[in-house]
Amino acid sequence: MTDIRRPTRRLLHTSDLHLESLEHHSCRYFTQLIIAARLTKADLVIIAGDLFDSQRVKDDLINYVVEELRSLPAPVVILPGNHDCLTPASAYGRSQIWDHCPNIKIFRSPEGETLKLTDMGFTLWGKASTSYEKEIAPLADIPRPEDDGSWKVAVAHGLYIGNIEPYGTGYQISRREIVESGWDYVALGHVPVFDVICSKPVVACYSGSPGASGGFFLIVDFREETGITLSRYAAQYGTSRIS
């Protein structure tokens, strides 16, 4: 076992913004995301799927989103979901603007991949959705985390099915997969409402869509002394402690 003390860190977790156009009301919640990331002093921002509503979004929206995310002082990690699959025609596939944003990381492998943010003390894993025809099993084959002194965060976009075993792909996520993963936190997307679906031994939450939750974002604090604590933040209400 390592004796390395993990750093205290704050993560902002959101999902399912479903951006459609610069004129659509969903952009208001994206603006609130940028403000929330700054005001809460998040060390890392995770968007757990469906940042965009489809692959048909226009370039002006993509350029706006990239510029706003690039302006943040924190790294931003994006998982393509079932609405914004990583295809050549998608917002992530057809524009090279993402390549010029060192603070933005996109999960791109349909088999799952690990991203190490060594300076931040985070190790992340996620499996990108890359096809509208072929559904994935979001947590299937997740590797056991290494004991390297970092906080382990898995990102998954799918439907929690509880104690039922997955009976196909279909974006299904079981309790067994979460508990047996061994990761510290599982950032979930796909379900529009906030929900803590597991608290021990792994913390797993749906952040909820800010559009469906009144502009709330999930704040996840990592401390060696207290473990993981959860709060919800909205500009009009401030921060509300959950656990």
C-alpha atoms as a PDB file:
ATOM      1  CA  MET A   1       0.000   0.000   0.000  1.00  0.00           C
ATOM      2  CA  THR A   2       1.214   3.519  -0.730  1.00  0.00           C
ATOM      3  CA  ASP A   3       1.888   6.061   2.014  1.00  0.00           C
ATOM      4  CA  ILE A   4       1.271   8.965  -0.352  1.00  0.00           C
ATOM      5  CA  ARG A   5      -1.270  11.410   1.043  1.00  0.00           C
ATOM      6  CA  ARG A   6      -3.826  12.366  -1.564  1.00  0.00           C
ATOM      7  CA  PRO A   7      -4.412  16.094  -2.098  1.00  0.00           C
ATOM      8  CA  THR A   8      -7.619  17.855  -1.117  1.00  0.00           C
ATOM      9  CA  ARG A   9      -9.566  18.498  -4.302  1.00  0.00           C
ATOM     10  CA  ARG A  10     -12.949  19.815  -5.480  1.00  0.00           C
ATOM     11  CA  LEU A  11     -14.792  18.464  -8.512  1.00  0.00           C
ATOM     12  CA  LEU A  12     -17.795  19.966 -10.273  1.00  0.00           C
ATOM     13  CA  HIS A  13     -19.921  17.204 -11.796  1.00  0.00           C
ATOM     14  CA  THR A  14     -22.672  17.867 -14.324  1.00  0.00           C
ATOM     15  CA  SER A  15     -24.295  16.158 -17.293  1.00  0.00           C
ATOM     16  CA  ASP A  16     -27.109  16.281 -19.832  1.00  0.00           C
ATOM     17  CA  LEU A  17     -27.047  19.949 -20.744  1.00  0.00           C
ATOM     18  CA  HIS A  18     -28.361  18.997 -24.213  1.00  0.00           C
ATOM     19  CA  LEU A  19     -27.156  22.158 -25.933  1.00  0.00           C
ATOM     20  CA  GLU A  20     -28.988  22.721 -29.229  1.00  0.00           C
ATOM     21  CA  SER A  21     -28.128  26.221 -30.444  1.00  0.00           C
ATOM     22  CA  LEU A  22     -26.899  29.576 -29.211  1.00  0.00           C
ATOM     23  CA  GLU A  23     -30.509  30.753 -29.124  1.00  0.00           C
ATOM     24  CA  HIS A  24     -31.849  27.746 -27.200  1.00  0.00           C
ATOM     25  CA  HIS A  25     -32.606  28.114 -23.478  1.00  0.00           C
ATOM     26  CA  SER A  26     -30.120  25.316 -22.681  1.00  0.00           C
ATOM     27  CA  CYS A  27     -27.285  27.785 -23.278  1.00  0.00           C
ATOM     28  CA  ARG A  28     -28.373  29.670 -20.177  1.00  0.00           C
ATOM     29  CA  TYR A  29     -27.453  26.647 -18.074  1.00  0.00           C
ATOM     30  CA  PHE A  30     -24.131  26.313 -19.845  1.00  0.00           C
ATOM     31  CA  THR A  31     -23.371  29.917 -18.872  1.00  0.00           C
ATOM     32  CA  GLN A  32     -24.300  29.032 -15.303  1.00  0.00           C
ATOM     33  CA  LEU A  33     -21.909  26.081 -15.480  1.00  0.00           C
ATOM     34  CA  ILE A  34     -19.017  28.371 -16.370  1.00  0.00           C
ATOM     35  CA  ILE A  35     -19.932  30.741 -13.536  1.00  0.00           C
ATOM     36  CA  ALA A  36     -20.366  27.884 -11.048  1.00  0.00           C
ATOM     37  CA  ALA A  37     -16.978  26.382 -11.927  1.00  0.00           C
ATOM     38  CA  ARG A  38     -15.330  29.703 -11.170  1.00  0.00           C
ATOM     39  CA  LEU A  39     -17.262  30.646  -8.043  1.00  0.00           C
ATOM     40  CA  THR A  40     -16.917  27.235  -6.405  1.00  0.00           C
ATOM     41  CA  LYS A  41     -13.199  27.146  -7.259  1.00  0.00           C
ATOM     42  CA  ALA A  42     -13.517  23.692  -8.806  1.00  0.00           C
ATOM     43  CA  ASP A  43     -10.201  21.928  -9.444  1.00  0.00           C
ATOM     44  CA  LEU A  44     -11.810  19.739 -12.109  1.00  0.00           C
ATOM     45  CA  VAL A  45     -15.017  19.871 -14.168  1.00  0.00           C
ATOM     46  CA  ILE A  46     -16.624  16.639 -15.400  1.00  0.00           C
ATOM     47  CA  ILE A  47     -19.412  16.570 -17.990  1.00  0.00           C
ATOM     48  CA  ALA A  48     -20.786  13.026 -17.886  1.00  0.00           C
ATOM     49  CA  GLY A  49     -22.428  12.821 -21.299  1.00  0.00           C
ATOM     50  CA  ASP A  50     -24.858  14.675 -23.562  1.00  0.00           C
ATOM     51  CA  LEU A  51     -23.260  18.099 -23.430  1.00  0.00           C
ATOM     52  CA  PHE A  52     -24.804  18.499 -26.888  1.00  0.00           C
ATOM     53  CA  ASP A  53     -28.288  17.334 -27.848  1.00  0.00           C
ATOM     54  CA  SER A  54     -27.270  15.821 -31.181  1.00  0.00           C
ATOM     55  CA  GLN A  55     -24.575  15.751 -33.852  1.00  0.00           C
ATOM     56  CA  ARG A  56     -26.517  18.339 -35.863  1.00  0.00           C
ATOM     57  CA  VAL A  57     -25.402  21.326 -33.771  1.00  0.00           C
ATOM     58  CA  LYS A  58     -23.848  24.208 -35.690  1.00  0.00           C
ATOM     59  CA  ASP A  59     -20.229  25.265 -35.619  1.00  0.00           C
ATOM     60  CA  ASP A  60     -21.017  28.578 -33.923  1.00  0.00           C
ATOM     61  CA  LEU A  61     -22.308  26.684 -30.867  1.00  0.00           C
ATOM     62  CA  ILE A  62     -19.279  24.382 -30.828  1.00  0.00           C
ATOM     63  CA  ASN A  63     -16.897  27.346 -31.054  1.00  0.00           C
ATOM     64  CA  TYR A  64     -18.701  29.147 -28.240  1.00  0.00           C
ATOM     65  CA  VAL A  65     -18.648  26.110 -25.954  1.00  0.00           C
ATOM     66  CA  VAL A  66     -14.963  25.457 -26.596  1.00  0.00           C
ATOM     67  CA  GLU A  67     -13.961  29.064 -25.957  1.00  0.00           C
ATOM     68  CA  GLU A  68     -15.899  29.189 -22.685  1.00  0.00           C
ATOM     69  CA  LEU A  69     -14.495  25.896 -21.425  1.00  0.00           C
ATOM     70  CA  ARG A  70     -10.994  26.879 -22.514  1.00  0.00           C
ATOM     71  CA  SER A  71     -11.270  30.037 -20.409  1.00  0.00           C
ATOM     72  CA  LEU A  72     -11.648  28.047 -17.186  1.00  0.00           C
ATOM     73  CA  PRO A  73      -8.597  27.704 -14.939  1.00  0.00           C
ATOM     74  CA  ALA A  74      -9.489  24.049 -14.264  1.00  0.00           C
ATOM     75  CA  PRO A  75      -9.240  20.956 -16.475  1.00  0.00           C
ATOM     76  CA  VAL A  76     -12.507  19.896 -18.123  1.00  0.00           C
ATOM     77  CA  VAL A  77     -13.192  16.226 -18.892  1.00  0.00           C
ATOM     78  CA  ILE A  78     -16.029  15.348 -21.285  1.00  0.00           C
ATOM     79  CA  LEU A  79     -17.635  11.967 -21.899  1.00  0.00           C
ATOM     80  CA  PRO A  80     -19.631  11.663 -25.143  1.00  0.00           C
ATOM     81  CA  GLY A  81     -23.091  10.258 -24.349  1.00  0.00           C
ATOM     82  CA  ASN A  82     -25.892   8.645 -26.306  1.00  0.00           C
ATOM     83  CA  HIS A  83     -27.127  11.974 -27.731  1.00  0.00           C
ATOM     84  CA  ASP A  84     -23.699  13.379 -28.645  1.00  0.00           C
ATOM     85  CA  CYS A  85     -21.911  10.176 -29.667  1.00  0.00           C
ATOM     86  CA  LEU A  86     -18.324  10.555 -30.799  1.00  0.00           C
ATOM     87  CA  THR A  87     -18.794  10.129 -34.571  1.00  0.00           C
ATOM     88  CA  PRO A  88     -16.931  11.876 -37.400  1.00  0.00           C
ATOM     89  CA  ALA A  89     -19.949  14.157 -37.845  1.00  0.00           C
ATOM     90  CA  SER A  90     -20.315  14.977 -34.154  1.00  0.00           C
ATOM     91  CA  ALA A  91     -19.366  18.152 -32.335  1.00  0.00           C
ATOM     92  CA  TYR A  92     -16.236  16.370 -31.116  1.00  0.00           C
ATOM     93  CA  GLY A  93     -15.320  14.724 -34.397  1.00  0.00           C
ATOM     94  CA  ARG A  94     -15.763  17.346 -37.076  1.00  0.00           C
ATOM     95  CA  SER A  95     -14.031  20.310 -35.476  1.00  0.00           C
ATOM     96  CA  GLN A  96     -10.292  20.527 -34.833  1.00  0.00           C
ATOM     97  CA  ILE A  97     -10.785  23.352 -32.374  1.00  0.00           C
ATOM     98  CA  TRP A  98     -10.739  20.837 -29.509  1.00  0.00           C
ATOM     99  CA  ASP A  99      -7.131  19.970 -30.365  1.00  0.00           C
ATOM    100  CA  HIS A 100      -5.994  23.444 -29.348  1.00  0.00           C
ATOM    101  CA  CYS A 101      -7.447  23.333 -25.821  1.00  0.00           C
ATOM    102  CA  PRO A 102      -4.922  21.795 -23.429  1.00  0.00           C
ATOM    103  CA  ASN A 103      -7.320  21.973 -20.475  1.00  0.00           C
ATOM    104  CA  ILE A 104     -10.112  20.018 -22.243  1.00  0.00           C
ATOM    105  CA  LYS A 105      -9.928  16.218 -22.340  1.00  0.00           C
ATOM    106  CA  ILE A 106     -12.447  14.036 -24.196  1.00  0.00           C
ATOM    107  CA  PHE A 107     -12.846  10.307 -23.644  1.00  0.00           C
ATOM    108  CA  ARG A 108     -12.574   8.831 -27.134  1.00  0.00           C
ATOM    109  CA  SER A 109     -12.304   5.055 -26.769  1.00  0.00           C
ATOM    110  CA  PRO A 110     -15.416   2.820 -26.956  1.00  0.00           C
ATOM    111  CA  GLU A 111     -13.450   0.191 -25.011  1.00  0.00           C
ATOM    112  CA  GLY A 112     -12.702   2.604 -22.179  1.00  0.00           C
ATOM    113  CA  GLU A 113      -9.589   4.604 -21.412  1.00  0.00           C
ATOM    114  CA  THR A 114      -7.720   5.996 -18.442  1.00  0.00           C
ATOM    115  CA  LEU A 115      -6.768   9.654 -18.159  1.00  0.00           C
ATOM    116  CA  LYS A 116      -4.163  10.596 -15.573  1.00  0.00           C
ATOM    117  CA  LEU A 117      -4.170  14.182 -14.321  1.00  0.00           C
ATOM    118  CA  THR A 118      -1.005  13.690 -12.317  1.00  0.00           C
ATOM    119  CA  ASP A 119      -0.572  17.312 -11.253  1.00  0.00           C
ATOM    120  CA  MET A 120      -4.148  17.383  -9.955  1.00  0.00           C
ATOM    121  CA  GLY A 121      -3.973  14.038  -8.164  1.00  0.00           C
ATOM    122  CA  PHE A 122      -6.817  12.524 -10.221  1.00  0.00           C
ATOM    123  CA  THR A 123      -7.019   9.341 -12.281  1.00  0.00           C
ATOM    124  CA  LEU A 124     -10.117   9.095 -14.477  1.00  0.00           C
ATOM    125  CA  TRP A 125     -11.674   6.341 -16.551  1.00  0.00           C
ATOM    126  CA  GLY A 126     -14.512   6.499 -19.054  1.00  0.00           C
ATOM    127  CA  LYS A 127     -15.961   4.725 -22.073  1.00  0.00           C
ATOM    128  CA  ALA A 128     -17.124   6.902 -24.970  1.00  0.00           C
ATOM    129  CA  SER A 129     -20.267   6.207 -26.948  1.00  0.00           C
ATOM    130  CA  THR A 130     -19.172   6.215 -30.588  1.00  0.00           C
ATOM    131  CA  SER A 131     -22.247   4.986 -32.466  1.00  0.00           C
ATOM    132  CA  TYR A 132     -25.966   5.686 -32.586  1.00  0.00           C
ATOM    133  CA  GLU A 133     -26.590   2.105 -33.713  1.00  0.00           C
ATOM    134  CA  LYS A 134     -24.452   0.217 -31.190  1.00  0.00           C
ATOM    135  CA  GLU A 135     -25.106   0.730 -27.490  1.00  0.00           C
ATOM    136  CA  ILE A 136     -22.387   0.215 -24.895  1.00  0.00           C
ATOM    137  CA  ALA A 137     -22.095  -1.261 -21.415  1.00  0.00           C
ATOM    138  CA  PRO A 138     -20.693   1.833 -19.644  1.00  0.00           C
ATOM    139  CA  LEU A 139     -18.813   0.135 -16.777  1.00  0.00           C
ATOM    140  CA  ALA A 140     -18.037  -3.246 -18.339  1.00  0.00           C
ATOM    141  CA  ASP A 141     -14.321  -4.099 -18.156  1.00  0.00           C
ATOM    142  CA  ILE A 142     -13.430  -1.123 -15.973  1.00  0.00           C
ATOM    143  CA  PRO A 143      -9.910  -1.837 -14.667  1.00  0.00           C
ATOM    144  CA  ARG A 144      -9.085  -2.088 -10.997  1.00  0.00           C
ATOM    145  CA  PRO A 145      -7.489   1.201  -9.914  1.00  0.00           C
ATOM    146  CA  GLU A 146      -3.782   1.381  -9.214  1.00  0.00           C
ATOM    147  CA  ASP A 147      -2.611   2.314  -5.728  1.00  0.00           C
ATOM    148  CA  ASP A 148      -0.727   5.407  -6.859  1.00  0.00           C
ATOM    149  CA  GLY A 149      -1.867   8.068  -4.408  1.00  0.00           C
ATOM    150  CA  SER A 150      -4.477   9.677  -6.671  1.00  0.00           C
ATOM    151  CA  TRP A 151      -8.235  10.021  -6.377  1.00  0.00           C
ATOM    152  CA  LYS A 152      -9.979   7.573  -8.711  1.00  0.00           C
ATOM    153  CA  VAL A 153     -12.996   8.882 -10.631  1.00  0.00           C
ATOM    154  CA  ALA A 154     -14.928   6.840 -13.183  1.00  0.00           C
ATOM    155  CA  VAL A 155     -17.309   8.575 -15.580  1.00  0.00           C
ATOM    156  CA  ALA A 156     -20.273   6.687 -17.040  1.00  0.00           C
ATOM    157  CA  HIS A 157     -23.360   7.577 -19.058  1.00  0.00           C
ATOM    158  CA  GLY A 158     -26.199   5.112 -18.655  1.00  0.00           C
ATOM    159  CA  LEU A 159     -29.163   3.771 -16.707  1.00  0.00           C
ATOM    160  CA  TYR A 160     -28.706   2.400 -13.191  1.00  0.00           C
ATOM    161  CA  ILE A 161     -30.540  -0.931 -12.877  1.00  0.00           C
ATOM    162  CA  GLY A 162     -29.764  -1.675  -9.232  1.00  0.00           C
ATOM    163  CA  ASN A 163     -29.171  -5.268  -8.208  1.00  0.00           C
ATOM    164  CA  ILE A 164     -30.286  -6.631 -11.561  1.00  0.00           C
ATOM    165  CA  GLU A 165     -27.452  -7.991 -13.656  1.00  0.00           C
ATOM    166  CA  PRO A 166     -26.998  -6.271 -17.043  1.00  0.00           C
ATOM    167  CA  TYR A 167     -28.868  -8.299 -19.659  1.00  0.00           C
ATOM    168  CA  GLY A 168     -27.198  -6.753 -22.696  1.00  0.00           C
ATOM    169  CA  THR A 169     -25.451  -3.521 -23.503  1.00  0.00           C
ATOM    170  CA  GLY A 170     -28.195  -0.874 -23.548  1.00  0.00           C
ATOM    171  CA  TYR A 171     -26.288   1.635 -21.406  1.00  0.00           C
ATOM    172  CA  GLN A 172     -27.037  -0.450 -18.289  1.00  0.00           C
ATOM    173  CA  ILE A 173     -25.127   0.051 -15.030  1.00  0.00           C
ATOM    174  CA  SER A 174     -25.519  -2.354 -12.101  1.00  0.00           C
ATOM    175  CA  ARG A 175     -24.801  -1.902  -8.421  1.00  0.00           C
ATOM    176  CA  ARG A 176     -22.347  -4.792  -8.557  1.00  0.00           C
ATOM    177  CA  GLU A 177     -20.302  -3.054 -11.249  1.00  0.00           C
ATOM    178  CA  ILE A 178     -20.087   0.101  -9.147  1.00  0.00           C
ATOM    179  CA  VAL A 179     -19.237  -1.604  -5.861  1.00  0.00           C
ATOM    180  CA  GLU A 180     -16.705  -4.006  -7.359  1.00  0.00           C
ATOM    181  CA  SER A 181     -14.954  -1.307  -9.382  1.00  0.00           C
ATOM    182  CA  GLY A 182     -12.926  -0.155  -6.379  1.00  0.00           C
ATOM    183  CA  TRP A 183     -12.954   3.438  -7.616  1.00  0.00           C
ATOM    184  CA  ASP A 184     -13.548   6.335  -5.221  1.00  0.00           C
ATOM    185  CA  TYR A 185     -16.301   8.106  -7.138  1.00  0.00           C
ATOM    186  CA  VAL A 186     -18.468   7.305 -10.152  1.00  0.00           C
ATOM    187  CA  ALA A 187     -19.781  10.399 -11.957  1.00  0.00           C
ATOM    188  CA  LEU A 188     -22.974   9.377 -13.735  1.00  0.00           C
ATOM    189  CA  GLY A 189     -24.989  10.947 -16.517  1.00  0.00           C
ATOM    190  CA  HIS A 190     -28.114  10.112 -18.542  1.00  0.00           C
ATOM    191  CA  VAL A 191     -30.756  10.473 -15.804  1.00  0.00           C
ATOM    192  CA  PRO A 192     -31.889  14.125 -15.541  1.00  0.00           C
ATOM    193  CA  VAL A 193     -32.495  14.185 -11.763  1.00  0.00           C
ATOM    194  CA  PHE A 194     -29.947  14.246  -8.962  1.00  0.00           C
ATOM    195  CA  ASP A 195     -29.569  10.916  -7.177  1.00  0.00           C
ATOM    196  CA  VAL A 196     -27.007   9.327  -4.869  1.00  0.00           C
ATOM    197  CA  ILE A 197     -27.289   5.710  -5.919  1.00  0.00           C
ATOM    198  CA  CYS A 198     -24.399   4.340  -3.870  1.00  0.00           C
ATOM    199  CA  SER A 199     -22.566   5.750  -0.850  1.00  0.00           C
ATOM    200  CA  LYS A 200     -20.398   2.821   0.299  1.00  0.00           C
ATOM    201  CA  PRO A 201     -17.852   1.492  -0.484  1.00  0.00           C
ATOM    202  CA  VAL A 202     -17.961   3.560  -3.684  1.00  0.00           C
ATOM    203  CA  VAL A 203     -19.773   6.885  -3.985  1.00  0.00           C
ATOM    204  CA  ALA A 204     -21.809   7.069  -7.204  1.00  0.00           C
ATOM    205  CA  CYS A 205     -24.144   9.903  -8.175  1.00  0.00           C
ATOM    206  CA  TYR A 206     -26.228  11.253 -10.973  1.00  0.00           C
ATOM    207  CA  SER A 207     -25.556  14.987 -11.017  1.00  0.00           C
ATOM    208  CA  GLY A 208     -28.865  15.624 -12.721  1.00  0.00           C
ATOM    209  CA  SER A 209     -29.363  17.956 -15.653  1.00  0.00           C
ATOM    210  CA  PRO A 210     -29.145  21.637 -14.672  1.00  0.00           C
ATOM    211  CA  GLY A 211     -32.074  22.271 -16.985  1.00  0.00           C
ATOM    212  CA  ALA A 212     -34.232  19.805 -15.071  1.00  0.00           C
ATOM    213  CA  SER A 213     -32.997  20.691 -11.588  1.00  0.00           C
ATOM    214  CA  GLY A 214     -33.272  24.462 -11.512  1.00  0.00           C
ATOM    215  CA  GLY A 215     -29.667  25.187 -12.411  1.00  0.00           C
ATOM    216  CA  PHE A 216     -28.003  22.993  -9.794  1.00  0.00           C
ATOM    217  CA  PHE A 217     -24.542  21.470 -10.191  1.00  0.00           C
ATOM    218  CA  LEU A 218     -23.003  18.768  -8.011  1.00  0.00           C
ATOM    219  CA  ILE A 219     -19.901  19.669  -6.009  1.00  0.00           C
ATOM    220  CA  VAL A 220     -17.772  16.732  -4.881  1.00  0.00           C
ATOM    221  CA  ASP A 221     -15.075  17.396  -2.291  1.00  0.00           C
ATOM    222  CA  PHE A 222     -12.246  14.896  -1.793  1.00  0.00           C
ATOM    223  CA  ARG A 223     -10.371  15.016   1.513  1.00  0.00           C
ATOM    224  CA  GLU A 224      -8.158  12.358   3.028  1.00  0.00           C
ATOM    225  CA  GLU A 225      -9.497  13.153   6.509  1.00  0.00           C
ATOM    226  CA  THR A 226     -13.222  13.039   5.708  1.00  0.00           C
ATOM    227  CA  GLY A 227     -13.412  11.129   2.436  1.00  0.00           C
ATOM    228  CA  ILE A 228     -15.938  12.322  -0.146  1.00  0.00           C
ATOM    229  CA  THR A 229     -18.579  14.927   0.678  1.00  0.00           C
ATOM    230  CA  LEU A 230     -21.343  16.160  -1.606  1.00  0.00           C
ATOM    231  CA  SER A 231     -22.946  19.570  -2.057  1.00  0.00           C
ATOM    232  CA  ARG A 232     -25.239  21.091  -4.647  1.00  0.00           C
ATOM    233  CA  TYR A 233     -24.654  24.575  -6.023  1.00  0.00           C
ATOM    234  CA  ALA A 234     -26.921  26.950  -7.892  1.00  0.00           C
ATOM    235  CA  ALA A 235     -26.230  30.623  -8.517  1.00  0.00           C
ATOM    236  CA  GLN A 236     -29.510  31.762  -6.981  1.00  0.00           C
ATOM    237  CA  TYR A 237     -29.196  29.576  -3.865  1.00  0.00           C
ATOM    238  CA  GLY A 238     -25.483  29.167  -3.259  1.00  0.00           C
ATOM    239  CA  THR A 239     -24.119  25.888  -1.874  1.00  0.00           C
ATOM    240  CA  SER A 240     -26.244  23.320  -0.066  1.00  0.00           C
ATOM    241  CA  ARG A 241     -24.423  20.528   1.799  1.00  0.00           C
ATOM    242  CA  ILE A 242     -25.748  17.005   1.240  1.00  0.00           C
ATOM    243  CA  SER A 243     -23.310  14.735   3.072  1.00  0.00           C
END
